[in-house]
Protein backbone atom coordinates (compact mmCIF):
# COMPACT_ATOMS: atom_id res chain seq x y z
CA MET A 1 -131.51 -61.78 -2.43
CA MET A 2 -129.26 -64.29 -0.49
CA GLN A 3 -125.66 -63.17 0.55
CA ASN A 4 -122.47 -64.69 -1.09
CA ARG A 5 -121.70 -65.70 2.05
CA MET A 6 -124.86 -67.88 2.79
CA LYS A 7 -124.31 -69.48 -0.41
CA MET A 8 -120.73 -70.11 -0.49
CA HIS A 9 -121.10 -72.03 3.45
CA PRO A 10 -124.37 -73.52 3.52
CA LEU A 11 -124.75 -76.31 5.95
CA ASP A 12 -125.80 -79.72 3.76
CA GLU A 13 -129.41 -81.58 6.17
CA GLU A 14 -127.31 -84.02 7.88
CA LYS A 15 -125.00 -80.51 8.86
CA VAL A 16 -128.50 -78.91 10.10
CA ASN A 17 -130.26 -82.17 11.18
CA SER A 18 -127.24 -82.17 14.07
CA LEU A 19 -127.40 -79.17 14.78
CA LEU A 20 -130.69 -78.88 15.05
CA HIS A 21 -130.65 -82.08 17.44
CA ARG A 22 -127.72 -81.49 19.65
CA ALA A 23 -128.40 -77.19 20.21
CA LYS A 24 -129.66 -76.37 23.90
CA THR A 25 -130.69 -72.79 22.74
CA CYS A 26 -132.23 -70.88 20.42
CA ASN A 27 -134.12 -67.80 20.05
CA LEU A 28 -137.69 -67.08 19.16
CA ALA A 29 -139.08 -64.45 17.89
CA THR A 30 -142.86 -63.25 17.52
CA ILE A 31 -145.19 -60.39 16.33
CA ASN A 32 -146.61 -58.46 19.38
CA SER A 33 -149.06 -56.49 19.03
CA ASN A 34 -148.59 -53.26 17.59
CA GLY A 35 -145.91 -55.23 14.82
CA THR A 36 -142.91 -54.85 16.35
CA PRO A 37 -140.90 -58.78 17.26
CA TYR A 38 -141.17 -59.45 20.72
CA CYS A 39 -137.74 -62.58 21.31
CA THR A 40 -137.38 -65.40 23.65
CA PRO A 41 -134.68 -67.27 24.63
CA ILE A 42 -136.69 -71.04 24.44
CA HIS A 43 -135.43 -75.11 25.17
CA PHE A 44 -137.07 -76.74 21.73
CA ILE A 45 -136.78 -80.00 20.80
CA TYR A 46 -136.78 -81.18 16.95
CA TRP A 47 -138.57 -83.91 16.59
CA ASN A 48 -140.35 -85.60 13.19
CA ASP A 49 -138.99 -82.49 11.29
CA VAL A 50 -141.10 -79.99 13.63
CA ILE A 51 -139.63 -77.94 17.18
CA TYR A 52 -141.40 -77.99 20.15
CA PHE A 53 -141.38 -76.37 23.20
CA HIS A 54 -143.03 -75.56 26.31
CA GLY A 55 -144.20 -73.27 29.23
CA LEU A 56 -146.23 -71.80 30.82
CA PRO A 57 -149.69 -71.47 29.54
CA LYS A 58 -149.82 -67.61 29.90
CA GLY A 59 -147.20 -65.33 28.61
CA GLN A 60 -146.67 -62.99 25.67
CA LYS A 61 -145.30 -65.03 23.07
CA LEU A 62 -147.81 -67.35 23.54
CA GLU A 63 -150.28 -64.44 22.44
CA ASN A 64 -148.61 -63.09 19.69
CA ILE A 65 -148.75 -66.50 18.24
CA LYS A 66 -152.41 -66.62 19.38
CA ARG A 67 -152.65 -63.35 17.44
CA ASP A 68 -150.19 -64.04 14.47
CA SER A 69 -148.73 -68.05 13.70
CA ARG A 70 -145.79 -66.31 12.27
CA VAL A 71 -142.57 -67.09 13.87
CA GLY A 72 -138.66 -67.20 13.59
CA VAL A 73 -136.96 -69.46 14.98
CA SER A 74 -132.46 -68.65 15.05
CA ILE A 75 -130.64 -71.28 16.14
CA TYR A 76 -126.84 -70.44 16.37
CA GLU A 77 -123.27 -71.80 17.57
CA MET A 78 -119.87 -70.33 17.88
CA GLU A 79 -116.94 -72.68 17.96
CA GLY A 80 -114.63 -69.71 18.28
CA LEU A 81 -112.84 -67.45 16.78
CA LEU A 82 -110.55 -67.35 13.54
CA ILE A 83 -107.41 -64.69 15.15
CA ASP A 84 -105.97 -63.86 10.99
CA ALA A 85 -102.34 -65.02 11.51
CA GLU A 86 -100.95 -61.20 10.27
CA GLY A 87 -103.67 -60.25 14.06
CA LYS A 88 -105.10 -57.27 12.36
CA PRO A 89 -108.47 -56.94 14.35
CA CYS A 90 -110.44 -56.54 11.30
CA ASP A 91 -109.26 -59.93 9.62
CA THR A 92 -110.92 -61.82 12.87
CA ASN A 93 -113.93 -64.38 12.32
CA THR A 94 -115.99 -67.07 13.87
CA LYS A 95 -116.18 -70.74 13.49
CA TYR A 96 -119.80 -71.30 13.60
CA GLU A 97 -123.47 -73.11 12.27
CA SER A 98 -126.36 -71.85 12.82
CA THR A 99 -130.42 -72.12 10.70
CA ILE A 100 -132.59 -69.00 10.10
CA ILE A 101 -136.12 -71.29 10.49
CA SER A 102 -139.67 -69.90 9.12
CA GLY A 103 -142.94 -71.06 10.66
CA ASN A 104 -146.44 -70.61 12.05
CA ALA A 105 -146.99 -72.14 15.21
CA ARG A 106 -149.20 -73.61 17.51
CA ALA A 107 -150.75 -74.58 20.93
CA VAL A 108 -150.49 -78.78 21.06
CA LEU A 109 -152.99 -80.36 22.11
CA ASP A 110 -153.72 -83.93 21.67
CA HIS A 111 -152.97 -85.60 24.99
CA GLU A 112 -150.11 -88.18 23.23
CA GLU A 113 -148.70 -85.89 21.19
CA LYS A 114 -148.07 -82.98 24.07
CA THR A 115 -147.43 -86.46 26.16
CA ASN A 116 -144.49 -87.09 24.16
CA VAL A 117 -142.84 -84.39 23.26
CA LEU A 118 -142.47 -83.42 27.30
CA LYS A 119 -141.25 -86.88 27.07
CA LYS A 120 -138.44 -86.05 24.22
CA ILE A 121 -137.87 -82.53 26.29
CA ILE A 122 -136.89 -83.97 29.39
CA GLU A 123 -134.95 -87.36 27.37
CA LYS A 124 -132.56 -84.29 25.99
CA TYR A 125 -132.70 -81.96 29.05
CA THR A 126 -132.57 -84.42 32.08
CA PRO A 127 -131.84 -87.78 30.81
CA ASP A 128 -131.63 -88.86 33.92
CA LEU A 129 -135.02 -88.77 34.72
CA ALA A 130 -136.56 -90.11 31.39
CA ASN A 131 -137.80 -92.62 32.72
CA LYS A 132 -140.15 -90.67 35.26
CA GLU A 133 -144.01 -90.74 34.98
CA PHE A 134 -145.49 -87.21 35.60
CA PRO A 135 -148.21 -86.29 36.65
CA ASP A 136 -151.62 -86.29 34.13
CA ASN A 137 -152.76 -82.21 35.94
CA MET A 138 -148.83 -81.33 34.56
CA ILE A 139 -149.12 -82.56 31.20
CA LYS A 140 -152.30 -80.85 30.89
CA GLY A 141 -151.04 -77.53 32.75
CA THR A 142 -148.09 -77.46 30.53
CA ALA A 143 -147.58 -75.15 27.47
CA VAL A 144 -147.12 -77.76 24.39
CA MET A 145 -146.59 -75.52 21.07
CA ARG A 146 -145.36 -76.71 18.16
CA ILE A 147 -143.81 -74.76 14.97
CA ASP A 148 -144.72 -76.76 11.37
CA VAL A 149 -141.43 -75.04 9.38
CA THR A 150 -142.48 -73.10 6.00
CA LYS A 151 -138.50 -72.62 5.24
CA LEU A 152 -134.86 -73.42 6.66
CA THR A 153 -131.72 -72.35 5.95
CA GLY A 154 -128.18 -73.10 8.11
CA LYS A 155 -124.62 -71.77 7.25
CA TYR A 156 -121.58 -72.54 8.23
CA TYR A 157 -118.15 -70.62 8.90
CA GLY A 158 -114.52 -72.37 9.67
């Protein structure tokens, strides 16, 4: 059952897209071999309705994804606190926007897709370097992962 606040404060598609494009970090949850969650902060891009991230070609999150492609992503931006006019601490709230995403992750193996994703990542995080070329061995030596979204919800308050 959907939380009451979720029903009252859903983010519309335009605001969800805005959050997905402007947020700099998110949390990626994968599943460890013993069934416990493994949550990692990552840099990401949202492009063509897919979430992409990159990194070293080895590590726990990648091993988890190879074993079980199901992942969760949480993106959250806090704008500030909303202090109760009478100063009641229990009535303080938070002004925010957030999304919760479920999906399936897999490695990007296509060289052209991988190159385009890495260019988009550079444009987002280091736009002053966007016109620089990067060597083919760097593309080959970098893991690029894609998350195909199966469910996305967004909410806000404030």
